[in-house]
Amino acid sequence: MKLSGVKRGEQVKIIGINGGALKARLNSMGIKVGDVISVINIAPFKTPVEIKKGNFRLAIGKPEMDNITVEYYV
């Protein structure tokens, strides 16, 4: 499933990031494949989405969300 399909309040695990530039940018911010993130806020038109990893928060736009593959984390 893509990150764009996750609802507010859900926790997911990142299982893939497409695009070298996006992957490098997220890695530089400490977000990588295998991390568990929470979707904490979704803007009215579903972009951007605010995610949280630990105490770090990041807003991600629709093009980026469509390149991040996730699975539900239990």
N, C-alpha and C. Protein backbone atom coordinates (compact mmCIF):
# COMPACT_ATOMS: atom_id res chain seq x y z
N MET A 1 0.84 -1.16 0.00
CA MET A 1 0.00 0.00 0.00
C MET A 1 0.89 1.24 0.00
N LYS A 2 0.42 2.30 -0.61
CA LYS A 2 1.16 3.56 -0.64
C LYS A 2 0.85 4.39 0.62
N LEU A 3 1.77 5.25 1.00
CA LEU A 3 1.57 6.11 2.16
C LEU A 3 0.34 6.99 1.98
N SER A 4 0.01 7.33 0.75
CA SER A 4 -1.16 8.18 0.49
C SER A 4 -2.47 7.51 0.88
N GLY A 5 -2.47 6.19 1.08
CA GLY A 5 -3.68 5.47 1.46
C GLY A 5 -3.86 5.30 2.96
N VAL A 6 -2.95 5.83 3.75
CA VAL A 6 -3.01 5.67 5.21
C VAL A 6 -3.86 6.79 5.81
N LYS A 7 -4.65 6.42 6.81
CA LYS A 7 -5.54 7.37 7.47
C LYS A 7 -4.86 7.97 8.70
N ARG A 8 -5.40 9.10 9.12
CA ARG A 8 -4.88 9.80 10.29
C ARG A 8 -4.94 8.89 11.51
N GLY A 9 -3.85 8.90 12.29
CA GLY A 9 -3.77 8.13 13.51
C GLY A 9 -3.23 6.73 13.34
N GLU A 10 -3.01 6.29 12.12
CA GLU A 10 -2.52 4.93 11.89
C GLU A 10 -0.99 4.88 11.91
N GLN A 11 -0.48 3.75 12.37
CA GLN A 11 0.96 3.50 12.37
C GLN A 11 1.28 2.53 11.26
N VAL A 12 2.33 2.83 10.53
CA VAL A 12 2.75 1.96 9.43
C VAL A 12 4.26 1.79 9.46
N LYS A 13 4.71 0.73 8.79
CA LYS A 13 6.14 0.46 8.65
C LYS A 13 6.51 0.71 7.19
N ILE A 14 7.57 1.46 6.96
CA ILE A 14 8.05 1.73 5.60
C ILE A 14 8.73 0.48 5.07
N ILE A 15 8.25 -0.03 3.92
CA ILE A 15 8.86 -1.23 3.34
C ILE A 15 9.55 -0.94 2.01
N GLY A 16 9.38 0.27 1.49
CA GLY A 16 10.05 0.62 0.24
C GLY A 16 9.94 2.10 -0.07
N ILE A 17 11.00 2.64 -0.65
CA ILE A 17 11.02 4.04 -1.10
C ILE A 17 11.54 4.05 -2.53
N ASN A 18 10.70 4.47 -3.47
CA ASN A 18 11.09 4.54 -4.88
C ASN A 18 11.70 5.91 -5.16
N GLY A 19 12.71 5.93 -5.97
CA GLY A 19 13.35 7.20 -6.35
C GLY A 19 14.56 7.46 -5.50
N GLY A 20 15.70 7.51 -6.15
CA GLY A 20 16.96 7.72 -5.44
C GLY A 20 17.03 9.03 -4.70
N ALA A 21 16.54 10.10 -5.32
CA ALA A 21 16.62 11.41 -4.69
C ALA A 21 15.73 11.47 -3.45
N LEU A 22 14.52 10.92 -3.55
CA LEU A 22 13.61 10.91 -2.41
C LEU A 22 14.18 10.06 -1.28
N LYS A 23 14.71 8.90 -1.62
CA LYS A 23 15.29 8.01 -0.62
C LYS A 23 16.47 8.68 0.09
N ALA A 24 17.32 9.35 -0.68
CA ALA A 24 18.46 10.05 -0.09
C ALA A 24 18.02 11.19 0.82
N ARG A 25 16.99 11.93 0.38
CA ARG A 25 16.49 13.05 1.18
C ARG A 25 15.90 12.56 2.49
N LEU A 26 15.07 11.51 2.42
CA LEU A 26 14.48 10.96 3.64
C LEU A 26 15.54 10.36 4.56
N ASN A 27 16.51 9.66 3.98
CA ASN A 27 17.60 9.09 4.78
C ASN A 27 18.37 10.18 5.51
N SER A 28 18.59 11.31 4.86
CA SER A 28 19.32 12.41 5.50
C SER A 28 18.55 12.99 6.68
N MET A 29 17.23 12.78 6.69
CA MET A 29 16.40 13.25 7.80
C MET A 29 16.14 12.15 8.82
N GLY A 30 16.74 10.98 8.61
CA GLY A 30 16.61 9.90 9.57
C GLY A 30 15.43 8.98 9.34
N ILE A 31 14.80 9.06 8.18
CA ILE A 31 13.67 8.19 7.86
C ILE A 31 14.13 7.22 6.78
N LYS A 32 14.04 5.91 7.10
CA LYS A 32 14.54 4.90 6.16
C LYS A 32 13.61 3.70 6.14
N VAL A 33 13.87 2.80 5.21
CA VAL A 33 13.10 1.56 5.10
C VAL A 33 13.24 0.79 6.41
N GLY A 34 12.11 0.28 6.91
CA GLY A 34 12.09 -0.45 8.17
C GLY A 34 11.60 0.37 9.34
N ASP A 35 11.55 1.70 9.18
CA ASP A 35 11.09 2.57 10.26
C ASP A 35 9.57 2.51 10.40
N VAL A 36 9.12 2.69 11.63
CA VAL A 36 7.69 2.79 11.92
C VAL A 36 7.36 4.27 12.09
N ILE A 37 6.35 4.71 11.34
CA ILE A 37 5.93 6.11 11.40
C ILE A 37 4.44 6.18 11.70
N SER A 38 4.00 7.33 12.18
CA SER A 38 2.59 7.58 12.44
C SER A 38 2.13 8.72 11.56
N VAL A 39 0.93 8.62 11.02
CA VAL A 39 0.32 9.73 10.28
C VAL A 39 -0.46 10.53 11.31
N ILE A 40 -0.04 11.78 11.56
CA ILE A 40 -0.68 12.55 12.63
C ILE A 40 -1.59 13.66 12.13
N ASN A 41 -1.46 14.05 10.89
CA ASN A 41 -2.33 15.10 10.37
C ASN A 41 -2.40 15.01 8.85
N ILE A 42 -3.59 15.24 8.32
CA ILE A 42 -3.79 15.24 6.87
C ILE A 42 -4.47 16.56 6.50
N ALA A 43 -3.89 17.29 5.57
CA ALA A 43 -4.45 18.56 5.12
C ALA A 43 -5.80 18.32 4.43
N PRO A 44 -6.63 19.36 4.30
CA PRO A 44 -7.97 19.21 3.73
C PRO A 44 -8.02 18.53 2.36
N PHE A 45 -7.09 18.76 1.49
CA PHE A 45 -7.09 18.13 0.16
C PHE A 45 -6.16 16.94 0.09
N LYS A 46 -5.87 16.34 1.26
CA LYS A 46 -5.04 15.15 1.42
C LYS A 46 -3.57 15.34 1.07
N THR A 47 -3.14 16.56 0.99
CA THR A 47 -1.72 16.84 0.80
C THR A 47 -1.41 18.22 1.37
N PRO A 48 -0.39 18.41 2.15
CA PRO A 48 0.55 17.39 2.59
C PRO A 48 0.01 16.58 3.76
N VAL A 49 0.73 15.53 4.07
CA VAL A 49 0.44 14.68 5.23
C VAL A 49 1.59 14.86 6.21
N GLU A 50 1.25 15.02 7.47
CA GLU A 50 2.29 15.17 8.48
C GLU A 50 2.52 13.80 9.13
N ILE A 51 3.79 13.37 9.11
CA ILE A 51 4.14 12.09 9.71
C ILE A 51 5.05 12.34 10.91
N LYS A 52 5.13 11.33 11.76
CA LYS A 52 5.94 11.45 12.96
C LYS A 52 6.74 10.17 13.16
N LYS A 53 8.01 10.35 13.46
CA LYS A 53 8.90 9.24 13.84
C LYS A 53 9.60 9.70 15.11
N GLY A 54 9.26 9.08 16.21
CA GLY A 54 9.80 9.53 17.49
C GLY A 54 9.31 10.93 17.78
N ASN A 55 10.23 11.87 18.00
CA ASN A 55 9.86 13.27 18.24
C ASN A 55 9.98 14.12 16.98
N PHE A 56 10.33 13.50 15.86
CA PHE A 56 10.55 14.21 14.60
C PHE A 56 9.27 14.21 13.77
N ARG A 57 8.87 15.37 13.28
CA ARG A 57 7.69 15.50 12.43
C ARG A 57 8.10 16.03 11.07
N LEU A 58 7.42 15.54 10.03
CA LEU A 58 7.75 15.93 8.67
C LEU A 58 6.48 15.97 7.83
N ALA A 59 6.34 17.00 7.01
CA ALA A 59 5.21 17.09 6.07
C ALA A 59 5.67 16.55 4.72
N ILE A 60 4.86 15.67 4.15
CA ILE A 60 5.19 15.04 2.87
C ILE A 60 4.05 15.28 1.89
N GLY A 61 4.41 15.70 0.67
CA GLY A 61 3.43 15.97 -0.37
C GLY A 61 2.99 14.71 -1.11
N LYS A 62 1.96 14.83 -1.92
CA LYS A 62 1.38 13.70 -2.66
C LYS A 62 2.38 12.98 -3.56
N PRO A 63 3.20 13.68 -4.34
CA PRO A 63 4.16 12.95 -5.19
C PRO A 63 5.11 12.05 -4.38
N GLU A 64 5.53 12.52 -3.23
CA GLU A 64 6.41 11.73 -2.39
C GLU A 64 5.65 10.57 -1.76
N MET A 65 4.42 10.81 -1.31
CA MET A 65 3.64 9.76 -0.67
C MET A 65 3.39 8.59 -1.61
N ASP A 66 3.21 8.88 -2.89
CA ASP A 66 2.96 7.82 -3.87
C ASP A 66 4.20 6.97 -4.15
N ASN A 67 5.36 7.42 -3.69
CA ASN A 67 6.60 6.68 -3.89
C ASN A 67 7.09 5.98 -2.63
N ILE A 68 6.26 6.01 -1.59
CA ILE A 68 6.62 5.34 -0.33
C ILE A 68 5.63 4.20 -0.10
N THR A 69 6.15 2.99 -0.05
CA THR A 69 5.33 1.80 0.17
C THR A 69 5.39 1.44 1.65
N VAL A 70 4.22 1.17 2.22
CA VAL A 70 4.13 0.88 3.65
C VAL A 70 3.24 -0.34 3.89
N GLU A 71 3.33 -0.86 5.12
CA GLU A 71 2.41 -1.90 5.56
C GLU A 71 1.97 -1.54 6.98
N TYR A 72 0.79 -2.00 7.36
CA TYR A 72 0.29 -1.69 8.70
C TYR A 72 1.19 -2.31 9.75
N TYR A 73 1.40 -1.56 10.82
CA TYR A 73 2.24 -2.00 11.92
C TYR A 73 1.35 -2.31 13.11
N VAL A 74 1.50 -3.50 13.63
CA VAL A 74 0.64 -3.91 14.76
C VAL A 74 1.43 -3.91 16.03
